[in-house]
Amino acid sequence: MNCLFCRIIKGEIPSKKVYEDQDLLVFHDIAPKAPLHLLVIPKEHIESMQDLEDRHIEVMGKMMVLARQLARDHGSPEGFRTVVNTGKVGRQEVYHLHMHLLGGPTPLGASAAF
């Protein structure tokens, strides 16, 4: 498998990590759309939300709950945006499920939209 995010998880490609546990990896997006732009990814290779199964409920919930703390810890305590692009129609570019976490000290503008 030549998945970009799997290679980041394995340490083959460097990233600016901000959080890691047994299930998730979080790192800064290399082309940020907002002052805070993190990618939250499961370590298990799941291509997209279309491939989720009941067994993924816990890790998806963990991603959502973690987003709140990440936003607070990284300069966006008053709110944030989460985006999960899914499939071709949803404009997914990397086929490893990932959540964009966007925020900053001021309200997000149109440039932070996907």
C-alpha atoms as a PDB file:
ATOM      1  CA  MET A   1       0.000   0.000   0.000  1.00  0.00           C
ATOM      2  CA  ASN A   2       1.310   3.422  -0.920  1.00  0.00           C
ATOM      3  CA  CYS A   3      -1.071   5.525   1.189  1.00  0.00           C
ATOM      4  CA  LEU A   4       0.410   8.916   2.087  1.00  0.00           C
ATOM      5  CA  PHE A   5      -1.115   8.956   5.569  1.00  0.00           C
ATOM      6  CA  CYS A   6      -0.122   5.357   6.296  1.00  0.00           C
ATOM      7  CA  ARG A   7       3.442   6.348   5.432  1.00  0.00           C
ATOM      8  CA  ILE A   8       3.204   9.316   7.818  1.00  0.00           C
ATOM      9  CA  ILE A   9       1.899   7.003  10.560  1.00  0.00           C
ATOM     10  CA  LYS A  10       4.858   4.654   9.984  1.00  0.00           C
ATOM     11  CA  GLY A  11       7.294   7.586  10.196  1.00  0.00           C
ATOM     12  CA  GLU A  12       8.419   7.204   6.578  1.00  0.00           C
ATOM     13  CA  ILE A  13       7.298  10.762   5.819  1.00  0.00           C
ATOM     14  CA  PRO A  14       7.872  13.496   8.405  1.00  0.00           C
ATOM     15  CA  SER A  15       4.998  15.469   9.866  1.00  0.00           C
ATOM     16  CA  LYS A  16       4.552  18.119  12.507  1.00  0.00           C
ATOM     17  CA  LYS A  17       2.743  15.944  15.057  1.00  0.00           C
ATOM     18  CA  VAL A  18       0.660  17.447  17.828  1.00  0.00           C
ATOM     19  CA  TYR A  19      -0.980  14.305  19.254  1.00  0.00           C
ATOM     20  CA  GLU A  20      -0.603  10.551  18.994  1.00  0.00           C
ATOM     21  CA  ASP A  21      -2.055   7.552  20.780  1.00  0.00           C
ATOM     22  CA  GLN A  22      -2.718   3.928  19.855  1.00  0.00           C
ATOM     23  CA  ASP A  23      -5.682   4.869  17.638  1.00  0.00           C
ATOM     24  CA  LEU A  24      -5.089   8.350  16.251  1.00  0.00           C
ATOM     25  CA  LEU A  25      -2.438  10.653  14.865  1.00  0.00           C
ATOM     26  CA  VAL A  26      -2.867  14.424  14.611  1.00  0.00           C
ATOM     27  CA  PHE A  27      -0.550  16.707  12.671  1.00  0.00           C
ATOM     28  CA  HIS A  28      -0.463  20.114  10.992  1.00  0.00           C
ATOM     29  CA  ASP A  29      -1.720  20.311   7.406  1.00  0.00           C
ATOM     30  CA  ILE A  30       1.102  21.249   5.015  1.00  0.00           C
ATOM     31  CA  ALA A  31      -1.196  23.669   3.129  1.00  0.00           C
ATOM     32  CA  PRO A  32      -3.229  25.323   5.905  1.00  0.00           C
ATOM     33  CA  LYS A  33      -6.545  26.977   5.087  1.00  0.00           C
ATOM     34  CA  ALA A  34      -6.809  28.669   8.510  1.00  0.00           C
ATOM     35  CA  PRO A  35      -4.479  29.784  11.321  1.00  0.00           C
ATOM     36  CA  LEU A  36      -5.161  26.411  12.936  1.00  0.00           C
ATOM     37  CA  HIS A  37      -5.403  23.535  10.462  1.00  0.00           C
ATOM     38  CA  LEU A  38      -4.821  20.068  11.846  1.00  0.00           C
ATOM     39  CA  LEU A  39      -5.497  16.673  10.329  1.00  0.00           C
ATOM     40  CA  VAL A  40      -6.919  14.016  12.633  1.00  0.00           C
ATOM     41  CA  ILE A  41      -6.489  10.515  11.231  1.00  0.00           C
ATOM     42  CA  PRO A  42      -7.152   7.011  12.478  1.00  0.00           C
ATOM     43  CA  LYS A  43      -4.077   4.792  12.438  1.00  0.00           C
ATOM     44  CA  GLU A  44      -6.118   2.014  10.892  1.00  0.00           C
ATOM     45  CA  HIS A  45      -6.342   2.492   7.142  1.00  0.00           C
ATOM     46  CA  ILE A  46      -9.968   3.327   6.383  1.00  0.00           C
ATOM     47  CA  GLU A  47     -10.354   4.782   2.904  1.00  0.00           C
ATOM     48  CA  SER A  48     -13.292   7.093   3.608  1.00  0.00           C
ATOM     49  CA  MET A  49     -16.452   7.534   5.644  1.00  0.00           C
ATOM     50  CA  GLN A  50     -18.145   5.335   3.036  1.00  0.00           C
ATOM     51  CA  ASP A  51     -16.072   2.434   4.389  1.00  0.00           C
ATOM     52  CA  LEU A  52     -16.972   2.856   8.056  1.00  0.00           C
ATOM     53  CA  GLU A  53     -18.409  -0.114   9.911  1.00  0.00           C
ATOM     54  CA  ASP A  54     -19.977  -0.493  13.357  1.00  0.00           C
ATOM     55  CA  ARG A  55     -16.560  -1.454  14.720  1.00  0.00           C
ATOM     56  CA  HIS A  56     -15.333   2.090  13.940  1.00  0.00           C
ATOM     57  CA  ILE A  57     -17.836   3.835  16.238  1.00  0.00           C
ATOM     58  CA  GLU A  58     -15.352   4.192  19.089  1.00  0.00           C
ATOM     59  CA  VAL A  59     -12.505   5.662  17.028  1.00  0.00           C
ATOM     60  CA  MET A  60     -14.843   8.094  15.241  1.00  0.00           C
ATOM     61  CA  GLY A  61     -16.266   9.241  18.565  1.00  0.00           C
ATOM     62  CA  LYS A  62     -12.750   9.645  19.899  1.00  0.00           C
ATOM     63  CA  MET A  63     -11.882  11.866  16.909  1.00  0.00           C
ATOM     64  CA  MET A  64     -14.862  14.117  17.589  1.00  0.00           C
ATOM     65  CA  VAL A  65     -14.205  14.464  21.320  1.00  0.00           C
ATOM     66  CA  LEU A  66     -10.483  15.055  20.755  1.00  0.00           C
ATOM     67  CA  ALA A  67     -11.232  17.910  18.330  1.00  0.00           C
ATOM     68  CA  ARG A  68     -12.549  20.084  21.163  1.00  0.00           C
ATOM     69  CA  GLN A  69      -9.388  19.686  23.226  1.00  0.00           C
ATOM     70  CA  LEU A  70      -7.075  20.136  20.244  1.00  0.00           C
ATOM     71  CA  ALA A  71      -8.819  23.390  19.313  1.00  0.00           C
ATOM     72  CA  ARG A  72      -8.510  24.720  22.853  1.00  0.00           C
ATOM     73  CA  ASP A  73      -4.862  23.705  23.157  1.00  0.00           C
ATOM     74  CA  HIS A  74      -3.858  25.167  19.791  1.00  0.00           C
ATOM     75  CA  GLY A  75      -5.372  28.638  19.805  1.00  0.00           C
ATOM     76  CA  SER A  76      -9.043  28.243  18.952  1.00  0.00           C
ATOM     77  CA  PRO A  77     -10.890  28.078  22.286  1.00  0.00           C
ATOM     78  CA  GLU A  78     -14.022  29.866  21.052  1.00  0.00           C
ATOM     79  CA  GLY A  79     -14.941  27.453  18.289  1.00  0.00           C
ATOM     80  CA  PHE A  80     -13.713  25.533  15.299  1.00  0.00           C
ATOM     81  CA  ARG A  81     -14.795  23.815  12.091  1.00  0.00           C
ATOM     82  CA  THR A  82     -14.460  20.134  11.269  1.00  0.00           C
ATOM     83  CA  VAL A  83     -14.544  18.852   7.697  1.00  0.00           C
ATOM     84  CA  VAL A  84     -14.464  15.279   6.431  1.00  0.00           C
ATOM     85  CA  ASN A  85     -14.357  15.138   2.636  1.00  0.00           C
ATOM     86  CA  THR A  86     -15.759  11.804   1.481  1.00  0.00           C
ATOM     87  CA  GLY A  87     -15.269  10.211  -1.919  1.00  0.00           C
ATOM     88  CA  LYS A  88     -15.002  11.806  -5.326  1.00  0.00           C
ATOM     89  CA  VAL A  89     -18.188  13.854  -4.954  1.00  0.00           C
ATOM     90  CA  GLY A  90     -17.022  15.078  -1.537  1.00  0.00           C
ATOM     91  CA  ARG A  91     -13.667  16.151  -3.033  1.00  0.00           C
ATOM     92  CA  GLN A  92     -11.587  13.704  -1.017  1.00  0.00           C
ATOM     93  CA  GLU A  93      -7.985  13.864  -2.215  1.00  0.00           C
ATOM     94  CA  VAL A  94      -6.177  11.424   0.091  1.00  0.00           C
ATOM     95  CA  TYR A  95      -8.008   8.111   0.417  1.00  0.00           C
ATOM     96  CA  HIS A  96      -7.334   7.562   4.097  1.00  0.00           C
ATOM     97  CA  LEU A  97     -10.143   8.864   6.294  1.00  0.00           C
ATOM     98  CA  HIS A  98      -9.158  12.183   7.847  1.00  0.00           C
ATOM     99  CA  MET A  99     -10.819  15.084   9.579  1.00  0.00           C
ATOM    100  CA  HIS A 100      -9.701  18.651   9.013  1.00  0.00           C
ATOM    101  CA  LEU A 101      -9.811  20.725  12.194  1.00  0.00           C
ATOM    102  CA  LEU A 102      -9.826  24.443  11.397  1.00  0.00           C
ATOM    103  CA  GLY A 103      -9.856  27.414  13.724  1.00  0.00           C
ATOM    104  CA  GLY A 104      -8.033  30.422  14.987  1.00  0.00           C
ATOM    105  CA  PRO A 105      -8.399  33.552  17.035  1.00  0.00           C
ATOM    106  CA  THR A 106     -10.995  35.149  14.699  1.00  0.00           C
ATOM    107  CA  PRO A 107     -14.022  33.840  12.748  1.00  0.00           C
ATOM    108  CA  LEU A 108     -13.167  31.680   9.763  1.00  0.00           C
ATOM    109  CA  GLY A 109     -13.683  33.165   6.311  1.00  0.00           C
ATOM    110  CA  ALA A 110     -14.505  31.636   2.962  1.00  0.00           C
ATOM    111  CA  SER A 111     -10.862  30.626   2.414  1.00  0.00           C
ATOM    112  CA  ALA A 112     -11.293  28.007   5.151  1.00  0.00           C
ATOM    113  CA  ALA A 113     -14.132  26.348   3.253  1.00  0.00           C
ATOM    114  CA  PHE A 114     -13.718  23.122   1.334  1.00  0.00           C
END
